[in-house]
C-alpha atoms as a PDB file:
ATOM      1  CA  MET A   1     103.943 118.943  96.933  1.00  0.00           C
ATOM      2  CA  ASP A   2     103.617 115.321  95.878  1.00  0.00           C
ATOM      3  CA  SER A   3     105.476 115.934  92.644  1.00  0.00           C
ATOM      4  CA  ASP A   4     108.465 117.456  94.481  1.00  0.00           C
ATOM      5  CA  THR A   5     108.874 114.987  97.349  1.00  0.00           C
ATOM      6  CA  THR A   6     110.072 111.411  97.405  1.00  0.00           C
ATOM      7  CA  ILE A   7     108.953 108.759  99.855  1.00  0.00           C
ATOM      8  CA  GLU A   8     112.578 108.566 100.981  1.00  0.00           C
ATOM      9  CA  ASP A   9     112.488 112.297 101.809  1.00  0.00           C
ATOM     10  CA  LEU A  10     109.328 111.838 103.858  1.00  0.00           C
ATOM     11  CA  LYS A  11     110.737 108.851 105.727  1.00  0.00           C
ATOM     12  CA  ALA A  12     113.890 110.824 106.584  1.00  0.00           C
ATOM     13  CA  HIS A  13     111.842 113.816 107.735  1.00  0.00           C
ATOM     14  CA  ILE A  14     109.664 111.645 109.988  1.00  0.00           C
ATOM     15  CA  LYS A  15     112.704 109.792 111.347  1.00  0.00           C
ATOM     16  CA  LYS A  16     114.343 113.078 112.368  1.00  0.00           C
ATOM     17  CA  PHE A  17     111.090 114.517 113.720  1.00  0.00           C
ATOM     18  CA  ASN A  18     110.583 111.481 115.958  1.00  0.00           C
ATOM     19  CA  ALA A  19     114.251 111.281 116.988  1.00  0.00           C
ATOM     20  CA  ASP A  20     114.248 114.950 118.008  1.00  0.00           C
ATOM     21  CA  ARG A  21     111.359 114.175 120.374  1.00  0.00           C
ATOM     22  CA  ASP A  22     112.635 110.750 121.514  1.00  0.00           C
ATOM     23  CA  TRP A  23     109.390 109.216 120.255  1.00  0.00           C
ATOM     24  CA  ASP A  24     110.946 106.216 118.524  1.00  0.00           C
ATOM     25  CA  GLN A  25     110.662 104.292 121.780  1.00  0.00           C
ATOM     26  CA  PHE A  26     106.890 104.222 121.292  1.00  0.00           C
ATOM     27  CA  HIS A  27     106.971 103.040 117.689  1.00  0.00           C
ATOM     28  CA  ASN A  28     107.120  99.267 117.524  1.00  0.00           C
ATOM     29  CA  ALA A  29     105.398  97.244 114.807  1.00  0.00           C
ATOM     30  CA  LYS A  30     102.342  96.459 116.948  1.00  0.00           C
ATOM     31  CA  ASP A  31     101.738 100.056 118.000  1.00  0.00           C
ATOM     32  CA  LEU A  32     102.308 101.381 114.499  1.00  0.00           C
ATOM     33  CA  ALA A  33      99.835  98.850 113.076  1.00  0.00           C
ATOM     34  CA  ILE A  34      97.318  99.919 115.726  1.00  0.00           C
ATOM     35  CA  ALA A  35      97.976 103.568 114.858  1.00  0.00           C
ATOM     36  CA  ILE A  36      97.344 102.891 111.155  1.00  0.00           C
ATOM     37  CA  SER A  37      94.030 101.212 111.943  1.00  0.00           C
ATOM     38  CA  THR A  38      92.974 103.839 114.471  1.00  0.00           C
ATOM     39  CA  GLU A  39      93.804 106.756 112.201  1.00  0.00           C
ATOM     40  CA  ALA A  40      92.029 105.062 109.271  1.00  0.00           C
ATOM     41  CA  ALA A  41      88.945 104.727 111.462  1.00  0.00           C
ATOM     42  CA  GLU A  42      89.145 108.457 112.149  1.00  0.00           C
ATOM     43  CA  VAL A  43      88.997 109.043 108.389  1.00  0.00           C
ATOM     44  CA  LEU A  44      85.896 106.852 108.219  1.00  0.00           C
ATOM     45  CA  GLU A  45      84.245 108.795 110.999  1.00  0.00           C
ATOM     46  CA  HIS A  46      83.701 111.716 108.608  1.00  0.00           C
ATOM     47  CA  PHE A  47      81.614 109.579 106.265  1.00  0.00           C
ATOM     48  CA  ILE A  48      79.416 107.504 108.537  1.00  0.00           C
ATOM     49  CA  TYR A  49      75.706 107.806 107.758  1.00  0.00           C
ATOM     50  CA  LYS A  50      76.325 110.216 104.876  1.00  0.00           C
ATOM     51  CA  SER A  51      74.921 109.945 101.374  1.00  0.00           C
ATOM     52  CA  ASN A  52      77.234 110.190  98.372  1.00  0.00           C
ATOM     53  CA  ASP A  53      76.081 113.776  97.839  1.00  0.00           C
ATOM     54  CA  GLU A  54      76.852 114.659 101.458  1.00  0.00           C
ATOM     55  CA  VAL A  55      80.288 113.083 101.141  1.00  0.00           C
ATOM     56  CA  GLU A  56      81.037 115.071  97.992  1.00  0.00           C
ATOM     57  CA  ALA A  57      79.976 118.259  99.788  1.00  0.00           C
ATOM     58  CA  ILE A  58      82.484 117.542 102.565  1.00  0.00           C
ATOM     59  CA  PHE A  59      85.330 117.908 100.084  1.00  0.00           C
ATOM     60  CA  LYS A  60      84.042 121.298  98.991  1.00  0.00           C
ATOM     61  CA  GLY A  61      83.676 122.635 102.524  1.00  0.00           C
ATOM     62  CA  ASN A  62      85.672 123.283 105.673  1.00  0.00           C
ATOM     63  CA  LYS A  63      85.646 119.627 106.761  1.00  0.00           C
ATOM     64  CA  LYS A  64      88.133 118.767 104.025  1.00  0.00           C
ATOM     65  CA  VAL A  65      90.962 120.064 106.238  1.00  0.00           C
ATOM     66  CA  GLU A  66      89.962 117.652 108.997  1.00  0.00           C
ATOM     67  CA  ILE A  67      90.018 114.750 106.541  1.00  0.00           C
ATOM     68  CA  GLU A  68      93.406 115.878 105.219  1.00  0.00           C
ATOM     69  CA  ASP A  69      94.739 115.780 108.789  1.00  0.00           C
ATOM     70  CA  GLU A  70      93.428 112.258 109.345  1.00  0.00           C
ATOM     71  CA  VAL A  71      94.766 111.007 106.008  1.00  0.00           C
ATOM     72  CA  ALA A  72      98.143 112.543 106.907  1.00  0.00           C
ATOM     73  CA  ASP A  73      98.065 110.680 110.234  1.00  0.00           C
ATOM     74  CA  VAL A  74      97.481 107.387 108.399  1.00  0.00           C
ATOM     75  CA  PHE A  75     100.303 108.121 105.952  1.00  0.00           C
ATOM     76  CA  TRP A  76     102.607 109.187 108.786  1.00  0.00           C
ATOM     77  CA  ALA A  77     102.057 105.880 110.601  1.00  0.00           C
ATOM     78  CA  VAL A  78     102.573 103.899 107.380  1.00  0.00           C
ATOM     79  CA  LEU A  79     105.793 105.779 106.666  1.00  0.00           C
ATOM     80  CA  MET A  80     107.043 105.221 110.236  1.00  0.00           C
ATOM     81  CA  LEU A  81     106.406 101.480 109.916  1.00  0.00           C
ATOM     82  CA  CYS A  82     108.185 101.380 106.564  1.00  0.00           C
ATOM     83  CA  GLU A  83     111.130 103.453 107.780  1.00  0.00           C
ATOM     84  CA  LYS A  84     111.621 101.536 111.013  1.00  0.00           C
ATOM     85  CA  TYR A  85     111.335  98.073 109.451  1.00  0.00           C
ATOM     86  CA  ASP A  86     113.094  98.814 106.165  1.00  0.00           C
ATOM     87  CA  ILE A  87     110.060  98.371 103.912  1.00  0.00           C
ATOM     88  CA  ASP A  88     110.454  99.870 100.456  1.00  0.00           C
ATOM     89  CA  LEU A  89     106.953 101.242 100.013  1.00  0.00           C
ATOM     90  CA  SER A  90     107.259 101.919  96.275  1.00  0.00           C
ATOM     91  CA  ASP A  91     108.599  98.422  95.591  1.00  0.00           C
ATOM     92  CA  SER A  92     105.971  96.847  97.860  1.00  0.00           C
ATOM     93  CA  LEU A  93     103.197  98.711  96.056  1.00  0.00           C
ATOM     94  CA  ARG A  94     104.490  97.679  92.630  1.00  0.00           C
ATOM     95  CA  LYS A  95     104.688  94.022  93.722  1.00  0.00           C
ATOM     96  CA  LYS A  96     101.187  94.143  95.196  1.00  0.00           C
ATOM     97  CA  MET A  97      99.794  95.731  92.043  1.00  0.00           C
ATOM     98  CA  GLY A  98     101.400  92.938  90.014  1.00  0.00           C
ATOM     99  CA  LYS A  99      99.745  90.297  92.214  1.00  0.00           C
ATOM    100  CA  THR A 100      96.412  92.105  92.019  1.00  0.00           C
ATOM    101  CA  ALA A 101      96.667  92.418  88.231  1.00  0.00           C
ATOM    102  CA  LYS A 102      97.108  88.643  87.966  1.00  0.00           C
ATOM    103  CA  LYS A 103      94.228  87.984  90.337  1.00  0.00           C
ATOM    104  CA  TYR A 104      91.915  90.495  88.615  1.00  0.00           C
ATOM    105  CA  PRO A 105      92.854  90.753  84.933  1.00  0.00           C
ATOM    106  CA  ILE A 106      91.223  93.618  83.059  1.00  0.00           C
ATOM    107  CA  GLU A 107      89.035  91.371  80.932  1.00  0.00           C
ATOM    108  CA  LYS A 108      87.530  89.788  84.058  1.00  0.00           C
ATOM    109  CA  ALA A 109      87.366  92.878  86.259  1.00  0.00           C
ATOM    110  CA  LYS A 110      86.303  95.732  84.009  1.00  0.00           C
ATOM    111  CA  GLY A 111      82.550  96.228  84.008  1.00  0.00           C
ATOM    112  CA  SER A 112      81.993  93.393  86.472  1.00  0.00           C
ATOM    113  CA  ASN A 113      79.757  95.125  88.998  1.00  0.00           C
ATOM    114  CA  LYS A 114      76.647  93.092  88.134  1.00  0.00           C
ATOM    115  CA  LYS A 115      76.496  91.384  91.505  1.00  0.00           C
ATOM    116  CA  TYR A 116      76.193  94.746  93.236  1.00  0.00           C
ATOM    117  CA  ASN A 117      73.404  95.862  90.930  1.00  0.00           C
ATOM    118  CA  GLU A 118      71.408  92.714  91.763  1.00  0.00           C
ATOM    119  CA  LEU A 119      71.301  93.427  95.507  1.00  0.00           C
END
């Protein structure tokens, strides 16, 4: 469960899992970045050419498990990259959110979807 597990726990679990199988040899930065992109594309595959209603129905049906698997693959690759290259994911996310908050302050961002409505 998300509320019971830390990112550190997950990184340690993945590190041991990969070490037990001698898979670390295949996990360099380039290949992990490719894996993240490839697995993210597999998430997208479930949504191509679907309406919003069809997408919502996916999450109420049997296909949700397939999407969960693909999302887990993305997360796994992200965690491997972070573990191997000593990236503190929580700290990185907080820093990025701070940068994004400065770039898109609430008063400028909230309710600013006019340009999409004009298309």
